[in-house]
Amino acid sequence: MQPSQSVSTKKALSRREIAINNFLICTGFLVAATVAATVFSYISDSFISVSMFYILSVLMIARYTEGYIPGIIASVVCTIFVNLVFTYPYMELNFHMRGYPVTFLCMLTVATITSAATTRMKAQSIVLNEREKLLMEAEKEKMRANLLRAISHDLRTPLTSIIGTSSTYLENSATLSDSEKSALVQNIYDDSNWLLNMVENLLSITRIRDGNTQVTKIPEPLEEVVSEAVQRLKKRIPNAVIKVRIPDDFIMIPMDAMLIEQVLINLIENAFYHGNPNMPIYLNTYIEDNMTRFQISDYGPGIPEDRLSTIFDGASYACQSTDSRKGMGIGLSICKTIISAHSGTITASNATNGACITFSLPLGGQQTNDT
């Protein structure tokens, strides 16, 4: 009984709120129409001109209230008020006055048609909003599934490698040479760093709030964000050669700096492992159409054509290699989520010599620069 009573109470409150809102809207428009009609009556004695203010008020009332009743009541009130106050004999109702029935029918028709159209539009809007919510929920579920699938692959692979390498070291330590032991430890170290990178990615994604996937953006200098990302990557991969090109002008971009740095690290690291590690990686930034564009390109085999449109969906992908650090799924999926949360876009393409990933972030205001 209590849940039923609670629902009934909520419905009653909702109906009461709608009724109060309708009353206030009707009162406001009728008062405004009366003031305008009174001022205009001193300028002109035209009955039609004065009645137009009330026809307009009926139209607005039908548009901004809920249901048919407020518009119909307003049309009746306005017609009587025009007859009573603004036509001779004043303060007396004259239902036989010439043109009065036509005015009444016009107001009633306007109110009914407008109310019907508005009610239909509001119902369609509710349906569209519900459909959009369902699509958003479906997209979120798809993203969660892709992330879980990518995590299960990209975390399990290096863990398996660490277990296998450490087992080899423990079982054969007496017969292994110092160089072989060093190589095994180096493999464990590299895979551990890769796992640390995955954990950083997961921590980054949790910073995006659930529900609306928005981030807190504050203006950050482009040069400092790029420099910090490159320095963090160089600590992880000292032998990576990165060629950076940024605009000469000082540019501020609204962003969550930590998240964008993580995106840059992910993309440059992918370029290093999937491209030619002996060739430089190019990071080019420029301004176009009030957007800051970041372009990361490498020398390598590129991305298979059938993967270009789905590479950010979270499915793991390896370039004909058994290297445990070659999985791109979770990193690229997280990059897309972060960029989308910044109202930006990210795309993949192939250049002449390798792959190219480009993402864009909107500028806070109009800025121009020389690239």
Protein backbone atom coordinates (compact mmCIF):
# COMPACT_ATOMS: atom_id res chain seq x y z
CA MET A 1 0.00 0.00 0.00
CA GLN A 2 2.80 2.41 0.81
CA PRO A 3 4.47 2.26 -2.65
CA SER A 4 1.06 2.67 -4.31
CA GLN A 5 0.23 5.65 -2.10
CA SER A 6 3.65 7.16 -2.86
CA VAL A 7 3.09 6.85 -6.62
CA SER A 8 -0.40 8.34 -6.29
CA THR A 9 0.98 11.23 -4.24
CA LYS A 10 3.67 11.92 -6.84
CA LYS A 11 1.10 11.91 -9.64
CA ALA A 12 -1.13 14.24 -7.66
CA LEU A 13 1.79 16.60 -7.03
CA SER A 14 2.71 16.48 -10.68
CA ARG A 15 -0.83 17.34 -11.78
CA ARG A 16 -0.95 20.13 -9.20
CA GLU A 17 2.37 21.55 -10.44
CA ILE A 18 1.16 21.44 -14.05
CA ALA A 19 -2.10 23.18 -13.07
CA ILE A 20 -0.24 25.91 -11.17
CA ASN A 21 2.21 26.36 -14.05
CA ASN A 22 -0.66 26.59 -16.57
CA PHE A 23 -2.45 29.16 -14.37
CA LEU A 24 0.65 31.34 -14.06
CA ILE A 25 1.33 31.21 -17.80
CA CYS A 26 -2.27 32.07 -18.64
CA THR A 27 -2.32 34.93 -16.14
CA GLY A 28 0.97 36.33 -17.40
CA PHE A 29 0.01 36.36 -21.08
CA LEU A 30 -3.50 37.69 -20.39
CA VAL A 31 -2.13 40.53 -18.26
CA ALA A 32 0.43 41.37 -20.93
CA ALA A 33 -2.25 41.32 -23.64
CA THR A 34 -4.56 43.53 -21.55
CA VAL A 35 -1.81 46.10 -20.90
CA ALA A 36 -0.88 46.20 -24.60
CA ALA A 37 -4.52 46.41 -25.68
CA THR A 38 -5.24 49.21 -23.18
CA VAL A 39 -2.29 51.26 -24.44
CA PHE A 40 -3.26 50.64 -28.06
CA SER A 41 -6.93 51.52 -27.42
CA TYR A 42 -5.88 55.09 -26.61
CA ILE A 43 -4.14 55.28 -29.98
CA SER A 44 -6.74 53.56 -32.14
CA ASP A 45 -10.41 52.69 -31.75
CA SER A 46 -10.11 49.65 -34.00
CA PHE A 47 -11.83 46.64 -32.47
CA ILE A 48 -9.87 44.27 -34.75
CA SER A 49 -6.49 45.76 -33.77
CA VAL A 50 -7.21 45.36 -30.05
CA SER A 51 -8.49 41.82 -30.48
CA MET A 52 -5.24 40.82 -32.24
CA PHE A 53 -3.34 41.20 -28.95
CA TYR A 54 -5.68 38.68 -27.36
CA ILE A 55 -5.46 36.31 -30.32
CA LEU A 56 -1.67 36.42 -29.93
CA SER A 57 -1.95 35.73 -26.20
CA VAL A 58 -4.22 32.75 -26.90
CA LEU A 59 -1.64 31.42 -29.35
CA MET A 60 1.19 31.77 -26.82
CA ILE A 61 -0.87 30.22 -24.01
CA ALA A 62 -1.72 27.22 -26.19
CA ARG A 63 1.96 26.90 -27.09
CA TYR A 64 3.47 27.01 -23.59
CA THR A 65 0.84 25.22 -21.49
CA GLU A 66 0.07 21.54 -21.06
CA GLY A 67 -3.05 20.09 -22.69
CA TYR A 68 -5.98 21.64 -24.53
CA ILE A 69 -7.97 23.12 -21.65
CA PRO A 70 -5.83 26.25 -20.90
CA GLY A 71 -5.95 27.42 -24.53
CA ILE A 72 -9.70 26.87 -24.82
CA ILE A 73 -10.41 28.62 -21.52
CA ALA A 74 -8.11 31.49 -22.56
CA SER A 75 -9.96 31.87 -25.90
CA VAL A 76 -13.31 32.14 -24.07
CA VAL A 77 -11.93 34.60 -21.50
CA CYS A 78 -10.26 36.76 -24.16
CA THR A 79 -13.36 36.90 -26.34
CA ILE A 80 -15.56 37.92 -23.39
CA PHE A 81 -12.98 40.43 -22.18
CA VAL A 82 -12.72 42.11 -25.59
CA ASN A 83 -16.52 42.35 -25.71
CA LEU A 84 -16.82 43.60 -22.14
CA VAL A 85 -13.97 46.12 -21.89
CA PHE A 86 -12.99 47.29 -25.34
CA THR A 87 -16.27 47.50 -27.26
CA TYR A 88 -19.19 49.86 -26.91
CA PRO A 89 -21.27 49.80 -24.75
CA TYR A 90 -18.38 49.38 -22.29
CA MET A 91 -18.65 47.02 -19.33
CA GLU A 92 -21.69 45.34 -20.91
CA LEU A 93 -21.78 42.08 -22.80
CA ASN A 94 -23.17 42.34 -26.32
CA PHE A 95 -23.33 38.91 -27.90
CA HIS A 96 -25.15 40.27 -30.94
CA MET A 97 -22.34 42.64 -31.84
CA ARG A 98 -21.23 42.47 -35.46
CA GLY A 99 -18.17 40.27 -35.89
CA TYR A 100 -18.24 38.89 -32.39
CA PRO A 101 -19.06 35.25 -33.32
CA VAL A 102 -16.28 35.26 -35.92
CA THR A 103 -13.75 36.54 -33.38
CA PHE A 104 -14.82 33.93 -30.87
CA LEU A 105 -14.58 31.09 -33.42
CA CYS A 106 -11.17 32.30 -34.63
CA MET A 107 -9.76 32.40 -31.11
CA LEU A 108 -11.21 28.99 -30.26
CA THR A 109 -9.86 27.47 -33.49
CA VAL A 110 -6.40 28.99 -32.97
CA ALA A 111 -6.27 27.69 -29.41
CA THR A 112 -7.42 24.18 -30.35
CA ILE A 113 -5.09 23.78 -33.34
CA THR A 114 -2.08 25.20 -31.50
CA SER A 115 -2.73 23.09 -28.40
CA ALA A 116 -3.08 19.95 -30.53
CA ALA A 117 0.11 20.69 -32.44
CA THR A 118 2.02 21.53 -29.27
CA THR A 119 0.80 18.40 -27.47
CA ARG A 120 1.84 16.28 -30.44
CA MET A 121 5.26 17.94 -30.61
CA LYS A 122 5.84 17.42 -26.89
CA ALA A 123 4.84 13.74 -27.18
CA GLN A 124 7.21 13.29 -30.12
CA SER A 125 9.96 15.05 -28.18
CA ILE A 126 9.48 12.68 -25.25
CA VAL A 127 9.65 9.67 -27.57
CA LEU A 128 12.81 10.99 -29.24
CA ASN A 129 14.45 11.69 -25.88
CA GLU A 130 13.65 8.18 -24.66
CA ARG A 131 15.00 6.70 -27.88
CA GLU A 132 18.18 8.76 -27.54
CA LYS A 133 18.62 7.57 -23.96
CA LEU A 134 18.23 3.95 -25.08
CA LEU A 135 20.80 4.43 -27.82
CA MET A 136 23.21 6.04 -25.34
CA GLU A 137 22.75 3.16 -22.92
CA ALA A 138 23.33 0.65 -25.72
CA GLU A 139 26.50 2.49 -26.73
CA LYS A 140 27.71 2.50 -23.12
CA GLU A 141 27.06 -1.23 -22.80
CA LYS A 142 28.95 -1.83 -26.04
CA MET A 143 31.85 0.26 -24.76
CA ARG A 144 31.92 -1.64 -21.46
CA ALA A 145 31.91 -4.97 -23.31
CA ASN A 146 34.72 -3.85 -25.61
CA LEU A 147 36.79 -2.59 -22.69
CA LEU A 148 36.33 -5.81 -20.73
CA ARG A 149 37.28 -7.87 -23.77
CA ALA A 150 40.34 -5.71 -24.41
CA ILE A 151 41.37 -5.80 -20.75
CA SER A 152 41.12 -9.58 -20.62
CA HIS A 153 43.47 -9.83 -23.61
CA ASP A 154 45.91 -6.99 -22.98
CA LEU A 155 46.41 -7.81 -19.29
CA ARG A 156 46.46 -11.60 -19.60
CA THR A 157 49.14 -11.65 -22.32
CA PRO A 158 51.93 -9.84 -20.40
CA LEU A 159 50.99 -11.67 -17.21
CA THR A 160 51.41 -15.00 -19.00
CA SER A 161 54.77 -13.83 -20.31
CA ILE A 162 55.93 -12.75 -16.84
CA ILE A 163 54.88 -16.08 -15.33
CA GLY A 164 56.57 -18.06 -18.10
CA THR A 165 59.79 -16.05 -17.99
CA SER A 166 60.06 -16.12 -14.20
CA SER A 167 59.35 -19.87 -14.21
CA THR A 168 62.14 -20.39 -16.73
CA TYR A 169 64.51 -18.34 -14.60
CA LEU A 170 63.66 -20.24 -11.39
CA GLU A 171 63.79 -23.71 -12.93
CA ASN A 172 67.00 -23.19 -14.93
CA SER A 173 68.91 -20.58 -12.95
CA ALA A 174 71.79 -22.99 -12.30
CA THR A 175 72.38 -23.62 -16.01
CA LEU A 176 71.67 -20.15 -17.42
CA SER A 177 74.47 -17.78 -18.28
CA ASP A 178 74.57 -14.26 -16.91
CA SER A 179 73.51 -12.80 -20.28
CA GLU A 180 70.55 -15.18 -20.49
CA LYS A 181 69.51 -14.31 -16.94
CA SER A 182 69.80 -10.62 -17.77
CA ALA A 183 67.63 -11.09 -20.88
CA LEU A 184 64.95 -12.91 -18.86
CA VAL A 185 64.91 -10.22 -16.18
CA GLN A 186 64.74 -7.55 -18.89
CA ASN A 187 61.68 -9.26 -20.39
CA ILE A 188 60.01 -9.36 -16.97
CA TYR A 189 60.85 -5.68 -16.49
CA ASP A 190 59.43 -4.69 -19.90
CA ASP A 191 56.22 -6.63 -19.39
CA SER A 192 55.82 -5.18 -15.89
CA ASN A 193 56.12 -1.68 -17.34
CA TRP A 194 53.48 -2.57 -19.90
CA LEU A 195 51.17 -3.72 -17.12
CA LEU A 196 51.84 -0.46 -15.28
CA ASN A 197 50.83 1.39 -18.44
CA MET A 198 47.59 -0.57 -18.57
CA VAL A 199 46.85 0.30 -14.94
CA GLU A 200 47.48 3.99 -15.70
CA ASN A 201 45.03 3.73 -18.58
CA LEU A 202 42.39 2.22 -16.34
CA LEU A 203 42.96 4.89 -13.71
CA SER A 204 42.64 7.54 -16.41
CA ILE A 205 39.33 6.18 -17.64
CA THR A 206 37.89 6.13 -14.11
CA ARG A 207 38.48 9.88 -13.92
CA ILE A 208 35.75 10.34 -16.50
CA ARG A 209 32.48 10.61 -14.60
CA ASP A 210 29.87 7.94 -15.13
CA GLY A 211 26.62 8.84 -16.86
CA ASN A 212 27.49 11.83 -19.02
CA THR A 213 31.18 11.03 -19.71
CA GLN A 214 32.18 14.63 -19.13
CA VAL A 215 35.52 15.86 -17.86
CA THR A 216 36.57 18.99 -16.03
CA LYS A 217 38.33 21.14 -18.60
CA ILE A 218 40.55 24.11 -17.82
CA PRO A 219 42.72 26.07 -20.29
CA GLU A 220 46.16 24.46 -20.60
CA PRO A 221 49.19 25.57 -22.69
CA LEU A 222 49.55 23.29 -25.71
CA GLU A 223 53.35 23.32 -25.56
CA GLU A 224 53.48 22.25 -21.90
CA VAL A 225 51.04 19.36 -22.36
CA VAL A 226 52.93 17.99 -25.36
CA SER A 227 56.29 18.42 -23.62
CA GLU A 228 55.11 16.65 -20.47
CA ALA A 229 53.70 13.72 -22.47
CA VAL A 230 56.94 13.30 -24.45
CA GLN A 231 59.07 13.44 -21.29
CA ARG A 232 56.94 10.81 -19.57
CA LEU A 233 57.17 8.55 -22.60
CA LYS A 234 60.96 8.98 -22.86
CA LYS A 235 61.31 7.73 -19.30
CA ARG A 236 59.44 4.60 -20.32
CA ILE A 237 61.07 4.16 -23.75
CA PRO A 238 64.46 5.96 -23.67
CA ASN A 239 65.45 4.99 -27.22
CA ALA A 240 62.26 6.37 -28.85
CA VAL A 241 62.99 9.21 -31.31
CA ILE A 242 60.10 11.71 -31.38
CA LYS A 243 59.99 14.69 -33.74
CA VAL A 244 57.60 17.34 -32.39
CA ARG A 245 56.16 20.24 -34.33
CA ILE A 246 53.91 22.80 -32.61
CA PRO A 247 52.62 26.25 -33.65
CA ASP A 248 54.75 29.30 -32.90
CA ASP A 249 51.89 31.11 -31.14
CA PHE A 250 50.99 30.57 -27.50
CA ILE A 251 47.82 28.45 -27.53
CA MET A 252 45.56 27.58 -24.61
CA ILE A 253 43.22 24.59 -24.97
CA PRO A 254 40.39 23.63 -22.56
CA MET A 255 41.20 20.09 -21.44
CA ASP A 256 41.98 17.70 -18.64
CA ALA A 257 45.76 17.77 -19.07
CA MET A 258 46.44 14.40 -17.41
CA LEU A 259 43.96 12.60 -19.65
CA ILE A 260 45.23 14.20 -22.87
CA GLU A 261 48.81 13.40 -21.88
CA GLN A 262 47.74 9.78 -21.41
CA VAL A 263 46.22 9.82 -24.92
CA LEU A 264 49.46 11.16 -26.41
CA ILE A 265 51.53 8.57 -24.53
CA ASN A 266 49.28 5.73 -25.70
CA LEU A 267 49.39 6.82 -29.34
CA ILE A 268 53.15 7.48 -29.45
CA GLU A 269 53.86 4.19 -27.69
CA ASN A 270 51.68 2.34 -30.20
CA ALA A 271 53.54 4.08 -33.02
CA PHE A 272 56.87 2.95 -31.56
CA TYR A 273 55.90 -0.70 -31.06
CA HIS A 274 53.86 -1.12 -34.25
CA GLY A 275 56.09 0.94 -36.52
CA ASN A 276 59.81 0.84 -37.13
CA PRO A 277 61.50 1.51 -33.75
CA ASN A 278 64.66 2.65 -35.55
CA MET A 279 62.81 5.44 -37.33
CA PRO A 280 61.44 8.64 -35.75
CA ILE A 281 57.84 9.18 -34.71
CA TYR A 282 56.29 12.47 -35.78
CA LEU A 283 53.95 14.47 -33.55
CA ASN A 284 52.52 17.41 -35.44
CA THR A 285 50.04 19.88 -33.93
CA TYR A 286 48.21 22.63 -35.78
CA ILE A 287 45.06 24.77 -35.70
CA GLU A 288 42.28 24.22 -38.22
CA ASP A 289 38.61 25.26 -38.17
CA ASN A 290 38.86 26.41 -34.54
CA MET A 291 40.14 22.95 -33.57
CA THR A 292 43.55 21.87 -32.32
CA ARG A 293 44.65 18.81 -34.29
CA PHE A 294 47.24 16.32 -33.03
CA GLN A 295 48.74 14.03 -35.68
CA ILE A 296 50.95 11.07 -34.73
CA SER A 297 52.57 9.21 -37.63
CA ASP A 298 55.18 6.47 -37.86
CA TYR A 299 57.25 4.42 -40.29
CA GLY A 300 55.83 0.93 -40.46
CA PRO A 301 53.43 -1.51 -42.12
CA GLY A 302 50.41 0.68 -41.39
CA ILE A 303 46.96 -0.50 -40.33
CA PRO A 304 44.97 -3.07 -42.34
CA GLU A 305 42.23 -1.36 -44.31
CA ASP A 306 39.50 -3.50 -42.74
CA ARG A 307 40.62 -2.33 -39.27
CA LEU A 308 40.63 1.43 -39.87
CA SER A 309 36.96 1.94 -39.02
CA THR A 310 36.94 -0.36 -35.95
CA ILE A 311 40.39 0.07 -34.47
CA PHE A 312 39.06 2.27 -31.63
CA ASP A 313 36.27 -0.13 -30.65
CA GLY A 314 38.38 -2.02 -28.12
CA ALA A 315 39.14 -5.23 -30.03
CA SER A 316 42.74 -6.28 -29.61
CA TYR A 317 44.97 -6.34 -32.65
CA ALA A 318 48.51 -7.52 -33.26
CA CYS A 319 50.78 -6.85 -36.22
CA GLN A 320 52.10 -10.35 -36.90
CA SER A 321 54.12 -10.39 -33.72
CA THR A 322 54.24 -12.43 -30.55
CA ASP A 323 55.42 -9.45 -28.55
CA SER A 324 53.18 -9.18 -25.52
CA ARG A 325 53.33 -5.40 -25.76
CA LYS A 326 51.77 -5.32 -29.22
CA GLY A 327 48.12 -5.30 -28.11
CA MET A 328 46.43 -1.98 -28.94
CA GLY A 329 42.82 -2.67 -27.98
CA ILE A 330 42.39 -1.14 -24.54
CA GLY A 331 44.76 1.77 -25.19
CA LEU A 332 43.01 2.96 -28.35
CA SER A 333 39.55 2.37 -26.89
CA ILE A 334 40.46 4.52 -23.89
CA CYS A 335 41.89 7.18 -26.20
CA LYS A 336 38.58 7.38 -28.05
CA THR A 337 36.62 7.59 -24.79
CA ILE A 338 38.82 10.43 -23.48
CA ILE A 339 38.69 12.40 -26.73
CA SER A 340 34.91 11.95 -27.01
CA ALA A 341 34.55 13.22 -23.43
CA HIS A 342 36.41 16.35 -24.58
CA SER A 343 33.90 16.78 -27.46
CA GLY A 344 36.65 15.92 -29.91
CA THR A 345 37.20 13.36 -32.66
CA ILE A 346 39.84 10.72 -33.37
CA THR A 347 40.54 8.92 -36.66
CA ALA A 348 43.03 6.45 -38.09
CA SER A 349 44.50 6.42 -41.59
CA ASN A 350 47.48 5.13 -43.54
CA ALA A 351 50.15 7.37 -45.00
CA THR A 352 52.79 6.45 -47.59
CA ASN A 353 55.28 5.18 -45.03
CA GLY A 354 53.10 4.01 -42.16
CA ALA A 355 50.09 4.66 -39.94
CA CYS A 356 48.69 8.02 -38.90
CA ILE A 357 46.39 8.74 -35.94
CA THR A 358 44.76 12.18 -35.72
CA PHE A 359 42.64 13.56 -32.92
CA SER A 360 41.11 17.00 -32.53
CA LEU A 361 40.14 19.12 -29.53
CA PRO A 362 37.92 22.22 -29.72
CA LEU A 363 39.43 25.56 -28.80
CA GLY A 364 37.80 27.70 -26.15
CA GLY A 365 37.67 30.73 -28.47
CA GLN A 366 38.79 31.82 -31.90
CA GLN A 367 42.55 31.55 -32.15
CA THR A 368 44.85 31.76 -35.14
CA ASN A 369 48.47 30.81 -35.57
CA ASP A 370 51.21 30.10 -38.07
CA THR A 371 52.08 26.43 -38.36
